[in-house]
């Protein structure tokens, strides 16, 4: 028979602890909240009153419900007041010694059947359990901030946790309207283990001056649909907190991807902790403010003032696939005359038909007038002769993702296109400099990586090689703005910004599954619910295609030579078995045949 939790206790009334208290009280439970002294208890009460007041203003609670909620909470300053509770959640600062000492003291006060939970986000729950006389009744119960809003709770079992304790606490968490995932005791659990490797990689990119903080953040927001960019998120979390979590993860994994980037230590020493100190990667209006204000690193504009922007009137697009057709539509919508080149008349006609179909959908949805559709289509023409690109100002190559094919195309374009014409490749993983080396104009060759579907996705990665001229880069940034896209600038190395940050994270998720640490469903739920990502890693891998993902991960490993980037064997095996994701009906999950 499942345990009944009639009264609960929470130790620590900081932001996290107060949020957990509110979650329990909202569910109708009497809560005993313990703080170190009366002043700390009063600060905790202020947290709770402010939170419930906001809920009333937003119509989430009535004033009567808020009063009843607060009436269920007893704030105490002695652990002895926990004597009659059925479950205790510890929510004090992330110090193993402090938490272990607290657990040993609480263990002596509460009844022998009381379950002890830690809200730690990174420390060993086992270390805490063995400091008590009831290790089988100790679990991790990791809420996410803000606890009243965030749905995810990671339930961490140790090797000695009693199975019925795990089952009962999971049922209890679900009764609080939370999404509970049960996992083993390892640093970072699911969400932080996957999230902080990604955040650390972004910090390294910034430290290396590979891309600006604004471009790194915009890349992940507009390229992946993330609610926040990695550096802005680090500022929100706190750089000192991030450093501690990474240190704990690295001490356990010895994975260099978890070793904190040196920039963390430098910034922490300088007092740049993020929003809570008013400065981190960004500068804020005041401590604890979310309002970013300009500082000396804030660019005056996307386009350098000393660069010359070339006139772009006519655009050529090489290729007739989905990506090429989308790019044709984007340019034509922005007012450019576009010439699309295909290997046969039927392929050219197919590309134009794809553009028409897309525009027709916009008309049917009321987003476009018929007259505007006809005007856009009138700007599009087709050819099978590459020689017709002789007078274009910009060529965008969108042919097969094979280096030899692209090099041959750039060599041909170099001979045909007029001097000053810019040659751009949409490659997502191949070296842009290889395309430039096939021409006599390396200064005019650049990467222009659109995301699929090009008409809908806002991001374009503008990739400059070591030889790309400042004028060519400035011109493409200007063109992207005229296309109503968000351009981000970066150097020519594997993965650029988005794929270099995204795919190691996806690879880590596969390794986590491979180790039987958690199920694909729980990992997806953790990242969607706990980190507010639009898709879980396995859902996304199946959409992208496991073969495409593997190719990108191999290119990253080949370039960076870090063992943490080596593709997970499970991914290799699935590709070998022909389980490529949604396109084959089988990937990490099986899909119904259409």
Protein backbone atom coordinates (compact mmCIF):
# COMPACT_ATOMS: atom_id res chain seq x y z
CA UNK A 1 0.00 0.00 0.00
CA UNK A 2 1.36 3.41 -1.02
CA UNK A 3 2.45 5.84 1.68
CA UNK A 4 0.24 8.79 2.41
CA UNK A 5 1.97 12.13 2.76
CA UNK A 6 -0.25 14.23 5.01
CA UNK A 7 2.29 16.82 6.22
CA UNK A 8 5.57 17.78 4.61
CA UNK A 9 8.62 19.77 5.64
CA UNK A 10 11.01 21.98 3.69
CA UNK A 11 14.39 23.16 5.02
CA UNK A 12 15.60 26.36 3.40
CA UNK A 13 13.40 29.24 2.25
CA UNK A 14 15.51 30.81 -0.46
CA UNK A 15 14.09 31.22 -3.97
CA UNK A 16 14.05 27.47 -4.57
CA UNK A 17 12.87 26.41 -1.13
CA UNK A 18 10.07 29.00 -1.07
CA UNK A 19 8.93 27.77 -4.48
CA UNK A 20 8.81 24.16 -3.26
CA UNK A 21 6.85 25.22 -0.17
CA UNK A 22 4.36 26.97 -2.47
CA UNK A 23 3.99 23.85 -4.63
CA UNK A 24 3.12 21.73 -1.59
CA UNK A 25 0.76 24.31 -0.10
CA UNK A 26 -1.03 24.80 -3.44
CA UNK A 27 -1.82 21.09 -3.36
CA UNK A 28 -3.56 21.47 -0.01
CA UNK A 29 -0.74 20.10 2.15
CA UNK A 30 0.23 21.57 5.52
CA UNK A 31 3.91 22.57 5.28
CA UNK A 32 6.49 23.13 8.00
CA UNK A 33 9.21 25.40 6.58
CA UNK A 34 12.44 25.73 8.58
CA UNK A 35 15.02 28.50 8.30
CA UNK A 36 18.17 29.26 10.31
CA UNK A 37 16.72 32.29 12.13
CA UNK A 38 13.69 34.54 12.30
CA UNK A 39 15.11 37.08 9.82
CA UNK A 40 15.69 34.39 7.19
CA UNK A 41 12.22 33.02 7.89
CA UNK A 42 10.73 36.47 7.35
CA UNK A 43 12.58 36.81 4.02
CA UNK A 44 11.13 33.44 3.05
CA UNK A 45 7.63 34.59 3.95
CA UNK A 46 8.16 37.71 1.81
CA UNK A 47 9.15 35.44 -1.14
CA UNK A 48 5.94 33.46 -0.69
CA UNK A 49 3.70 36.49 -0.33
CA UNK A 50 5.21 38.12 -3.41
CA UNK A 51 4.78 34.93 -5.48
CA UNK A 52 1.15 34.38 -4.45
CA UNK A 53 0.41 38.07 -5.00
CA UNK A 54 1.69 37.79 -8.57
CA UNK A 55 -0.48 34.71 -9.07
CA UNK A 56 -3.54 36.65 -7.87
CA UNK A 57 -2.77 39.57 -10.22
CA UNK A 58 -2.46 37.16 -13.16
CA UNK A 59 -5.74 35.45 -12.31
CA UNK A 60 -4.06 32.14 -11.43
CA UNK A 61 -5.33 32.30 -7.82
CA UNK A 62 -8.15 34.14 -6.10
CA UNK A 63 -7.26 36.23 -3.06
CA UNK A 64 -9.15 33.71 -0.89
CA UNK A 65 -7.10 30.81 -2.35
CA UNK A 66 -3.86 32.73 -1.79
CA UNK A 67 -4.80 33.39 1.85
CA UNK A 68 -5.67 29.72 2.38
CA UNK A 69 -2.38 28.68 0.75
CA UNK A 70 -0.33 30.93 3.04
CA UNK A 71 -2.36 29.70 6.01
CA UNK A 72 -1.13 26.14 5.43
CA UNK A 73 2.49 27.21 5.92
CA UNK A 74 4.19 27.22 9.30
CA UNK A 75 7.59 28.92 9.38
CA UNK A 76 9.93 27.66 12.12
CA UNK A 77 13.55 28.10 13.14
CA UNK A 78 14.12 24.70 14.79
CA UNK A 79 14.50 21.34 13.06
CA UNK A 80 12.58 19.79 15.95
CA UNK A 81 9.42 21.26 14.42
CA UNK A 82 9.77 18.64 11.66
CA UNK A 83 9.09 15.82 14.11
CA UNK A 84 5.62 14.96 12.81
CA UNK A 85 6.09 15.31 9.03
CA UNK A 86 5.96 12.41 6.55
CA UNK A 87 8.48 13.78 4.04
CA UNK A 88 11.24 16.41 4.22
CA UNK A 89 12.78 18.25 1.26
CA UNK A 90 16.15 19.91 1.83
CA UNK A 91 16.68 23.09 -0.24
CA UNK A 92 19.75 24.74 1.27
CA UNK A 93 22.80 25.98 -0.74
CA UNK A 94 24.82 23.48 -2.82
CA UNK A 95 27.41 22.43 -0.26
CA UNK A 96 27.92 18.70 0.31
CA UNK A 97 29.18 19.20 3.85
CA UNK A 98 26.29 21.48 4.82
CA UNK A 99 23.69 19.17 3.30
CA UNK A 100 25.22 16.05 4.86
CA UNK A 101 25.29 17.72 8.28
CA UNK A 102 21.65 18.77 7.87
CA UNK A 103 20.53 15.26 6.85
CA UNK A 104 22.24 13.76 9.89
CA UNK A 105 20.42 16.21 12.17
CA UNK A 106 17.01 15.78 10.51
CA UNK A 107 17.44 12.00 10.68
CA UNK A 108 17.46 12.20 14.48
CA UNK A 109 14.33 14.34 14.69
CA UNK A 110 11.79 12.77 12.34
CA UNK A 111 9.91 9.46 12.57
CA UNK A 112 11.55 6.27 11.33
CA UNK A 113 9.29 6.05 8.26
CA UNK A 114 9.80 9.67 7.17
CA UNK A 115 11.38 10.04 3.74
CA UNK A 116 14.25 12.49 3.31
CA UNK A 117 14.67 14.24 -0.04
CA UNK A 118 17.37 16.54 -1.37
CA UNK A 119 16.70 19.20 -4.00
CA UNK A 120 20.37 19.11 -5.06
CA UNK A 121 20.96 19.68 -8.76
CA UNK A 122 24.44 18.19 -8.93
CA UNK A 123 25.68 16.63 -5.68
CA UNK A 124 25.72 12.91 -4.86
CA UNK A 125 22.49 11.82 -3.18
CA UNK A 126 24.30 8.65 -2.07
CA UNK A 127 26.80 10.76 -0.09
CA UNK A 128 23.88 12.35 1.74
CA UNK A 129 22.03 9.06 2.30
CA UNK A 130 24.94 7.33 4.00
CA UNK A 131 25.18 10.14 6.58
CA UNK A 132 21.80 9.04 7.94
CA UNK A 133 20.46 5.99 9.72
CA UNK A 134 17.91 5.46 6.93
CA UNK A 135 19.84 5.37 3.60
CA UNK A 136 17.04 3.34 2.00
CA UNK A 137 14.60 6.19 2.59
CA UNK A 138 16.69 8.98 1.04
CA UNK A 139 16.08 10.19 -2.54
CA UNK A 140 16.84 13.18 -4.68
CA UNK A 141 13.79 15.30 -5.51
CA UNK A 142 15.15 17.91 -7.88
CA UNK A 143 12.62 20.63 -8.67
CA UNK A 144 13.34 23.19 -11.40
CA UNK A 145 13.22 26.95 -10.92
CA UNK A 146 10.66 28.51 -10.54
CA UNK A 147 9.18 25.44 -8.82
CA UNK A 148 5.51 26.57 -8.95
CA UNK A 149 5.75 26.95 -12.75
CA UNK A 150 8.22 24.29 -13.91
CA UNK A 151 6.68 20.85 -14.35
CA UNK A 152 9.76 18.62 -14.20
CA UNK A 153 10.94 16.82 -11.08
CA UNK A 154 13.98 14.52 -11.31
CA UNK A 155 13.68 11.71 -8.76
CA UNK A 156 17.13 10.33 -7.99
CA UNK A 157 17.42 6.84 -6.55
CA UNK A 158 20.66 5.58 -5.04
CA UNK A 159 21.91 1.99 -5.07
CA UNK A 160 20.36 1.50 -1.61
CA UNK A 161 17.07 3.38 -2.03
CA UNK A 162 14.13 1.07 -1.29
CA UNK A 163 12.03 0.48 -4.45
CA UNK A 164 8.74 1.26 -2.70
CA UNK A 165 10.16 4.62 -1.57
CA UNK A 166 10.89 5.54 -5.20
CA UNK A 167 7.42 4.44 -6.29
CA UNK A 168 5.70 6.37 -3.50
CA UNK A 169 7.64 9.59 -4.06
CA UNK A 170 7.01 9.38 -7.81
CA UNK A 171 3.26 8.98 -7.20
CA UNK A 172 3.44 11.90 -4.77
CA UNK A 173 5.24 14.13 -7.32
CA UNK A 174 2.64 13.27 -9.95
CA UNK A 175 -0.14 14.17 -7.47
CA UNK A 176 1.47 17.66 -7.38
CA UNK A 177 0.84 17.87 -11.17
CA UNK A 178 4.54 17.38 -11.93
CA UNK A 179 6.27 15.32 -14.61
CA UNK A 180 8.43 12.90 -12.61
CA UNK A 181 11.38 11.03 -14.16
CA UNK A 182 13.25 8.41 -12.13
CA UNK A 183 17.02 8.23 -12.62
CA UNK A 184 20.20 6.99 -10.98
CA UNK A 185 22.61 9.02 -8.89
CA UNK A 186 25.12 10.59 -11.22
CA UNK A 187 26.41 14.14 -11.52
CA UNK A 188 24.01 16.48 -13.28
CA UNK A 189 21.22 13.89 -13.47
CA UNK A 190 19.47 14.20 -16.88
CA UNK A 191 18.79 17.87 -17.54
CA UNK A 192 21.94 19.45 -16.12
CA UNK A 193 24.20 16.70 -17.47
CA UNK A 194 23.00 17.49 -20.99
CA UNK A 195 22.45 21.22 -20.56
CA UNK A 196 25.75 22.21 -18.95
CA UNK A 197 27.98 20.48 -21.48
CA UNK A 198 26.25 22.60 -24.12
CA UNK A 199 26.55 25.79 -22.04
CA UNK A 200 30.23 25.11 -21.38
CA UNK A 201 30.89 24.65 -25.10
CA UNK A 202 29.20 28.00 -25.81
CA UNK A 203 31.38 29.69 -23.16
CA UNK A 204 34.47 28.23 -24.86
CA UNK A 205 33.34 29.55 -28.26
CA UNK A 206 32.96 33.00 -26.72
CA UNK A 207 36.32 32.73 -24.96
CA UNK A 208 38.00 31.84 -28.26
CA UNK A 209 36.36 34.87 -29.97
CA UNK A 210 34.85 32.49 -32.51
CA UNK A 211 31.61 34.45 -32.45
CA UNK A 212 30.18 37.35 -30.46
CA UNK A 213 27.93 36.75 -27.46
CA UNK A 214 25.00 38.20 -29.42
CA UNK A 215 25.60 35.89 -32.39
CA UNK A 216 26.04 32.79 -30.22
CA UNK A 217 22.75 33.48 -28.46
CA UNK A 218 20.87 34.45 -31.63
CA UNK A 219 22.15 31.30 -33.33
CA UNK A 220 20.51 28.98 -30.80
CA UNK A 221 17.35 31.05 -30.41
CA UNK A 222 16.60 31.42 -34.11
CA UNK A 223 18.31 28.27 -35.40
CA UNK A 224 16.92 25.84 -32.81
CA UNK A 225 13.97 27.69 -31.31
CA UNK A 226 15.52 27.74 -27.83
CA UNK A 227 13.83 30.17 -25.41
CA UNK A 228 17.19 31.71 -24.44
CA UNK A 229 20.68 31.75 -25.88
CA UNK A 230 23.39 29.89 -23.91
CA UNK A 231 25.24 32.94 -22.59
CA UNK A 232 22.07 34.73 -21.53
CA UNK A 233 21.00 31.51 -19.79
CA UNK A 234 24.36 31.27 -17.98
CA UNK A 235 23.84 34.83 -16.73
CA UNK A 236 20.40 33.83 -15.44
CA UNK A 237 21.69 30.68 -13.71
CA UNK A 238 24.73 32.44 -12.27
CA UNK A 239 28.28 31.81 -13.42
CA UNK A 240 29.35 30.64 -9.95
CA UNK A 241 26.52 28.09 -9.88
CA UNK A 242 27.36 26.92 -13.41
CA UNK A 243 31.03 26.55 -12.46
CA UNK A 244 30.19 24.42 -9.41
CA UNK A 245 27.90 22.14 -11.43
CA UNK A 246 30.53 21.69 -14.16
CA UNK A 247 33.23 21.00 -11.57
CA UNK A 248 31.06 18.27 -10.02
CA UNK A 249 30.30 16.77 -13.43
CA UNK A 250 33.96 16.81 -14.49
CA UNK A 251 35.12 15.25 -11.20
CA UNK A 252 32.86 12.29 -11.93
CA UNK A 253 33.06 11.97 -15.73
CA UNK A 254 36.63 13.17 -16.48
CA UNK A 255 35.11 14.27 -19.78
CA UNK A 256 36.93 17.38 -21.03
CA UNK A 257 33.64 18.73 -22.37
CA UNK A 258 32.61 19.11 -18.70
CA UNK A 259 35.84 20.82 -17.58
CA UNK A 260 34.76 24.43 -16.89
CA UNK A 261 35.99 26.86 -19.52
CA UNK A 262 38.70 29.11 -17.97
CA UNK A 263 36.54 32.16 -18.66
CA UNK A 264 34.22 31.09 -15.81
CA UNK A 265 36.95 31.33 -13.17
CA UNK A 266 38.15 34.66 -14.52
CA UNK A 267 34.67 36.18 -14.51
CA UNK A 268 33.77 34.78 -11.08
CA UNK A 269 37.01 36.17 -9.59
CA UNK A 270 36.15 39.56 -11.08
CA UNK A 271 32.67 39.41 -9.51
CA UNK A 272 30.88 39.01 -12.85
CA UNK A 273 28.33 36.40 -11.77
CA UNK A 274 25.50 37.20 -14.16
CA UNK A 275 22.18 38.88 -13.50
CA UNK A 276 22.49 38.63 -9.72
CA UNK A 277 25.59 40.85 -9.74
CA UNK A 278 24.44 43.08 -12.61
CA UNK A 279 27.17 41.88 -14.97
CA UNK A 280 28.10 38.58 -16.54
CA UNK A 281 28.45 37.90 -20.23
CA UNK A 282 26.08 40.86 -20.60
CA UNK A 283 25.62 44.04 -18.55
CA UNK A 284 22.29 44.58 -16.79
CA UNK A 285 20.42 47.66 -15.59
CA UNK A 286 21.00 46.64 -11.96
CA UNK A 287 21.71 43.57 -9.85
CA UNK A 288 18.95 40.97 -10.29
CA UNK A 289 17.55 42.88 -13.29
CA UNK A 290 16.69 41.09 -16.55
CA UNK A 291 17.12 44.28 -18.61
CA UNK A 292 20.28 44.21 -20.74
CA UNK A 293 21.97 47.57 -21.28
CA UNK A 294 24.65 48.42 -23.87
CA UNK A 295 28.29 48.11 -22.83
CA UNK A 296 31.66 48.36 -24.56
CA UNK A 297 31.15 44.96 -26.22
CA UNK A 298 27.77 45.89 -27.71
CA UNK A 299 28.16 46.27 -31.49
CA UNK A 300 27.00 49.58 -32.96
CA UNK A 301 25.45 47.67 -35.87
CA UNK A 302 25.55 44.26 -37.50
CA UNK A 303 27.53 45.66 -40.43
CA UNK A 304 30.99 47.19 -39.72
CA UNK A 305 31.00 50.93 -40.42
CA UNK A 306 34.28 50.81 -42.35
CA UNK A 307 33.12 48.09 -44.78
CA UNK A 308 31.80 48.77 -48.29
CA UNK A 309 28.48 47.14 -49.13
CA UNK A 310 28.18 46.07 -52.77
CA UNK A 311 25.00 46.50 -54.78
CA UNK A 312 23.12 43.24 -55.20
CA UNK A 313 20.38 43.32 -57.83
CA UNK A 314 20.19 39.93 -59.52
CA UNK A 315 20.69 36.64 -57.69
CA UNK A 316 21.44 33.17 -59.03
CA UNK A 317 20.56 29.99 -57.14
CA UNK A 318 22.21 26.72 -58.17
CA UNK A 319 20.12 23.68 -57.26
CA UNK A 320 16.48 22.60 -57.41
CA UNK A 321 15.99 20.68 -54.16
CA UNK A 322 13.90 21.67 -51.15
CA UNK A 323 16.57 24.00 -49.78
CA UNK A 324 17.24 25.67 -53.12
CA UNK A 325 13.52 26.24 -53.79
CA UNK A 326 13.11 27.78 -50.35
CA UNK A 327 16.04 30.13 -50.93
CA UNK A 328 14.60 31.18 -54.31
CA UNK A 329 11.31 32.04 -52.58
CA UNK A 330 13.08 34.05 -49.85
CA UNK A 331 15.00 36.20 -52.36
CA UNK A 332 12.02 36.72 -54.65
CA UNK A 333 9.82 37.78 -51.72
CA UNK A 334 12.46 40.36 -50.76
CA UNK A 335 12.29 41.94 -54.23
CA UNK A 336 15.31 40.35 -55.90
CA UNK A 337 15.23 38.99 -59.44
CA UNK A 338 16.20 35.34 -59.09
CA UNK A 339 17.53 32.93 -61.69
CA UNK A 340 17.37 29.27 -60.63
CA UNK A 341 19.57 26.76 -62.43
CA UNK A 342 18.84 23.05 -62.64
CA UNK A 343 20.35 20.12 -64.52
CA UNK A 344 17.21 19.65 -66.64
CA UNK A 345 14.11 21.58 -67.68
CA UNK A 346 11.93 19.27 -65.59
CA UNK A 347 13.98 19.96 -62.46
CA UNK A 348 13.83 23.72 -63.04
CA UNK A 349 10.07 23.53 -63.58
CA UNK A 350 9.78 21.45 -60.41
CA UNK A 351 11.66 24.05 -58.37
CA UNK A 352 9.47 26.89 -59.67
CA UNK A 353 6.36 24.77 -59.00
CA UNK A 354 7.55 24.24 -55.42
CA UNK A 355 7.85 28.01 -54.97
CA UNK A 356 4.37 28.51 -56.44
CA UNK A 357 2.89 25.84 -54.15
CA UNK A 358 4.42 27.48 -51.09
CA UNK A 359 3.11 30.91 -52.10
CA UNK A 360 -0.33 29.44 -52.84
CA UNK A 361 -0.42 28.11 -49.27
CA UNK A 362 0.34 31.61 -47.99
CA UNK A 363 -2.53 33.00 -50.11
CA UNK A 364 -4.91 30.29 -48.81
CA UNK A 365 -3.96 31.17 -45.21
CA UNK A 366 -4.55 34.87 -45.79
CA UNK A 367 -0.90 35.80 -45.36
CA UNK A 368 -0.38 36.90 -48.98
CA UNK A 369 -2.54 38.59 -51.62
CA UNK A 370 -2.90 36.88 -55.00
CA UNK A 371 -1.47 39.94 -56.76
CA UNK A 372 1.60 39.86 -54.52
CA UNK A 373 2.06 36.15 -55.23
CA UNK A 374 2.01 36.85 -58.97
CA UNK A 375 4.51 39.70 -58.55
CA UNK A 376 6.87 37.44 -56.59
CA UNK A 377 6.63 34.63 -59.15
CA UNK A 378 7.34 37.11 -61.97
CA UNK A 379 10.76 37.73 -60.40
CA UNK A 380 11.69 34.05 -60.74
CA UNK A 381 13.12 32.59 -63.94
CA UNK A 382 14.89 29.31 -64.69
CA UNK A 383 17.72 27.97 -66.79
CA UNK A 384 19.74 24.83 -67.39
CA UNK A 385 22.77 26.82 -68.57
CA UNK A 386 25.26 27.90 -65.92
CA UNK A 387 26.52 30.49 -68.43
CA UNK A 388 23.35 32.51 -67.80
CA UNK A 389 24.85 33.47 -64.43
CA UNK A 390 27.35 35.76 -66.19
CA UNK A 391 25.59 38.93 -65.06
CA UNK A 392 24.32 38.03 -61.56
CA UNK A 393 25.67 39.88 -58.52
CA UNK A 394 25.36 36.96 -56.08
CA UNK A 395 25.24 33.20 -56.58
CA UNK A 396 23.94 30.92 -53.83
CA UNK A 397 24.99 27.30 -54.32
CA UNK A 398 22.60 24.70 -52.90
CA UNK A 399 23.67 21.44 -54.56
CA UNK A 400 24.44 18.06 -52.97
CA UNK A 401 26.47 18.09 -49.73
CA UNK A 402 29.53 16.54 -51.40
CA UNK A 403 32.81 18.42 -51.41
CA UNK A 404 33.93 17.33 -54.90
CA UNK A 405 30.59 18.39 -56.38
CA UNK A 406 30.75 21.78 -54.69
CA UNK A 407 34.37 22.39 -55.65
CA UNK A 408 33.62 21.62 -59.29
CA UNK A 409 30.63 23.99 -59.19
CA UNK A 410 32.65 26.84 -57.67
CA UNK A 411 35.40 26.36 -60.24
CA UNK A 412 32.83 26.67 -63.04
CA UNK A 413 31.12 29.68 -61.46
CA UNK A 414 34.47 31.42 -61.06
CA UNK A 415 35.02 31.30 -64.81
CA UNK A 416 31.48 32.44 -65.69
CA UNK A 417 30.55 35.09 -63.10
CA UNK A 418 31.60 38.71 -63.49
CA UNK A 419 34.33 40.24 -61.30
CA UNK A 420 32.90 41.37 -57.96
CA UNK A 421 30.10 38.81 -57.94
CA UNK A 422 29.90 37.02 -54.59
CA UNK A 423 29.82 33.22 -54.57
CA UNK A 424 28.05 31.76 -51.51
CA UNK A 425 27.59 28.17 -50.39
CA UNK A 426 24.75 26.90 -48.20
CA UNK A 427 26.82 24.02 -46.83
CA UNK A 428 26.00 23.07 -43.25
CA UNK A 429 29.12 21.03 -42.55
CA UNK A 430 31.76 21.23 -45.29
CA UNK A 431 34.72 23.68 -45.20
CA UNK A 432 33.82 26.86 -47.06
CA UNK A 433 37.51 27.47 -47.70
CA UNK A 434 37.60 24.35 -49.90
CA UNK A 435 35.04 26.01 -52.20
CA UNK A 436 37.07 29.25 -52.14
CA UNK A 437 40.26 27.36 -53.05
CA UNK A 438 38.60 26.13 -56.25
CA UNK A 439 38.32 29.74 -57.47
CA UNK A 440 40.62 32.64 -58.32
CA UNK A 441 38.53 34.94 -56.09
CA UNK A 442 38.74 33.56 -52.52
CA UNK A 443 37.89 37.01 -51.13
CA UNK A 444 34.46 36.81 -52.76
CA UNK A 445 33.55 33.33 -51.45
CA UNK A 446 31.49 33.00 -48.28
CA UNK A 447 29.16 30.65 -46.45
CA UNK A 448 25.48 31.54 -46.33
CA UNK A 449 23.91 28.74 -44.31
CA UNK A 450 20.12 28.94 -44.40
CA UNK A 451 18.07 26.70 -42.11
CA UNK A 452 15.31 24.44 -43.33
CA UNK A 453 12.62 25.43 -44.26
CA UNK A 454 14.29 28.59 -45.54
CA UNK A 455 11.10 30.68 -45.92
CA UNK A 456 10.15 30.06 -42.26
CA UNK A 457 13.49 29.89 -40.41
CA UNK A 458 14.90 33.29 -39.48
CA UNK A 459 18.57 32.39 -39.02
CA UNK A 460 21.38 32.60 -41.57
CA UNK A 461 24.94 31.74 -40.52
CA UNK A 462 27.33 34.00 -42.44
CA UNK A 463 30.60 32.06 -42.57
CA UNK A 464 33.81 33.89 -43.46
CA UNK A 465 36.93 31.96 -44.39
CA UNK A 466 40.43 33.18 -43.62
CA UNK A 467 40.39 34.79 -47.08
CA UNK A 468 36.87 36.28 -47.24
CA UNK A 469 37.02 40.06 -47.72
CA UNK A 470 35.36 42.40 -45.24
CA UNK A 471 33.30 43.89 -48.09
CA UNK A 472 31.90 40.51 -49.13
CA UNK A 473 30.96 39.67 -45.53
CA UNK A 474 29.35 43.08 -45.00
CA UNK A 475 27.40 42.71 -48.23
CA UNK A 476 25.96 39.34 -47.23
CA UNK A 477 25.02 40.66 -43.78
CA UNK A 478 23.22 43.53 -45.52
CA UNK A 479 21.47 41.12 -47.90
CA UNK A 480 20.31 38.95 -44.98
CA UNK A 481 18.75 41.96 -43.29
CA UNK A 482 16.91 42.83 -46.53
CA UNK A 483 15.66 39.22 -46.59
CA UNK A 484 14.26 39.87 -43.06
CA UNK A 485 16.58 37.21 -41.68
CA UNK A 486 18.74 37.22 -38.54
CA UNK A 487 22.37 36.90 -39.68
CA UNK A 488 25.09 35.68 -37.33
CA UNK A 489 28.78 35.90 -38.20
CA UNK A 490 31.26 33.12 -37.52
CA UNK A 491 34.47 31.56 -38.76
CA UNK A 492 34.90 28.62 -41.09
CA UNK A 493 35.10 25.54 -38.90
CA UNK A 494 33.05 22.37 -38.54
CA UNK A 495 29.47 22.92 -37.42
CA UNK A 496 29.70 26.72 -37.46
CA UNK A 497 27.69 27.96 -34.44
CA UNK A 498 24.45 25.99 -34.32
CA UNK A 499 25.51 22.48 -35.30
CA UNK A 500 28.70 22.72 -33.25
CA UNK A 501 26.60 23.45 -30.14
CA UNK A 502 23.61 21.25 -30.95
CA UNK A 503 25.10 17.95 -32.04
CA UNK A 504 27.49 17.28 -29.14
CA UNK A 505 24.42 17.75 -26.88
CA UNK A 506 22.43 15.28 -29.00
CA UNK A 507 25.38 12.87 -28.93
CA UNK A 508 25.53 13.12 -25.12
CA UNK A 509 21.84 12.21 -24.98
CA UNK A 510 22.49 9.08 -27.08
CA UNK A 511 25.37 8.11 -24.77
CA UNK A 512 23.06 8.57 -21.77
CA UNK A 513 20.50 6.24 -23.36
CA UNK A 514 23.22 3.79 -24.36
CA UNK A 515 24.34 3.60 -20.71
CA UNK A 516 20.76 2.71 -19.68
CA UNK A 517 20.75 5.72 -17.38
CA UNK A 518 17.28 6.81 -18.51
CA UNK A 519 14.77 6.00 -21.25
CA UNK A 520 14.42 8.04 -24.43
CA UNK A 521 10.99 9.15 -23.23
CA UNK A 522 12.33 10.35 -19.87
CA UNK A 523 15.29 12.14 -21.46
CA UNK A 524 13.00 13.88 -23.96
CA UNK A 525 10.56 14.80 -21.18
CA UNK A 526 13.37 16.18 -19.03
CA UNK A 527 14.71 18.48 -21.74
CA UNK A 528 11.32 19.65 -22.99
CA UNK A 529 9.78 20.11 -19.54
CA UNK A 530 12.85 21.08 -17.51
CA UNK A 531 14.66 23.24 -20.09
CA UNK A 532 11.69 24.42 -22.20
CA UNK A 533 13.24 23.11 -25.42
CA UNK A 534 10.86 22.75 -28.38
CA UNK A 535 11.82 19.09 -28.95
CA UNK A 536 13.56 16.40 -26.92
CA UNK A 537 16.92 15.13 -28.26
CA UNK A 538 15.58 11.82 -29.62
CA UNK A 539 12.54 13.44 -31.15
CA UNK A 540 14.88 15.91 -32.89
CA UNK A 541 17.37 13.25 -34.02
CA UNK A 542 14.57 11.28 -35.67
CA UNK A 543 13.38 14.43 -37.47
CA UNK A 544 16.86 15.46 -38.65
CA UNK A 545 17.75 11.92 -39.72
CA UNK A 546 20.22 9.68 -37.92
CA UNK A 547 22.45 9.42 -40.99
CA UNK A 548 22.63 13.21 -41.33
CA UNK A 549 23.30 13.53 -37.58
CA UNK A 550 26.05 10.93 -37.71
CA UNK A 551 27.74 12.69 -40.64
CA UNK A 552 27.75 16.00 -38.74
CA UNK A 553 29.08 14.37 -35.57
CA UNK A 554 31.85 12.66 -37.54
CA UNK A 555 32.86 16.01 -39.07
CA UNK A 556 32.96 17.62 -35.61
CA UNK A 557 35.06 14.80 -34.19
CA UNK A 558 37.39 14.90 -37.20
CA UNK A 559 37.99 18.62 -36.74
CA UNK A 560 38.17 19.00 -32.95
CA UNK A 561 39.59 15.53 -32.09
CA UNK A 562 37.98 15.55 -28.64
CA UNK A 563 36.92 12.15 -27.36
CA UNK A 564 33.66 13.65 -26.09
CA UNK A 565 32.71 14.45 -29.70
CA UNK A 566 33.15 10.86 -30.91
CA UNK A 567 29.78 9.61 -32.21
CA UNK A 568 28.00 7.28 -29.79
CA UNK A 569 28.26 3.64 -30.95
CA UNK A 570 24.48 3.28 -30.61
CA UNK A 571 23.99 5.98 -33.25
CA UNK A 572 26.45 4.22 -35.56
CA UNK A 573 24.60 0.91 -35.09
CA UNK A 574 21.17 2.40 -35.78
CA UNK A 575 22.42 3.97 -39.02
CA UNK A 576 24.05 0.68 -40.07
CA UNK A 577 20.72 -1.06 -39.40
CA UNK A 578 18.89 1.41 -41.63
CA UNK A 579 16.97 3.01 -38.76
CA UNK A 580 17.38 6.59 -39.93
CA UNK A 581 14.44 8.25 -38.20
CA UNK A 582 11.08 9.41 -39.46
CA UNK A 583 12.07 9.19 -43.12
CA UNK A 584 12.42 5.38 -42.85
CA UNK A 585 9.68 4.93 -40.26
CA UNK A 586 12.18 3.69 -37.66
CA UNK A 587 14.80 5.52 -35.60
CA UNK A 588 14.97 5.84 -31.84
CA UNK A 589 11.22 5.34 -32.09
CA UNK A 590 8.96 3.52 -34.54
CA UNK A 591 6.53 5.58 -36.63
CA UNK A 592 3.24 4.59 -38.25
CA UNK A 593 3.38 4.15 -42.01
CA UNK A 594 1.77 6.96 -43.96
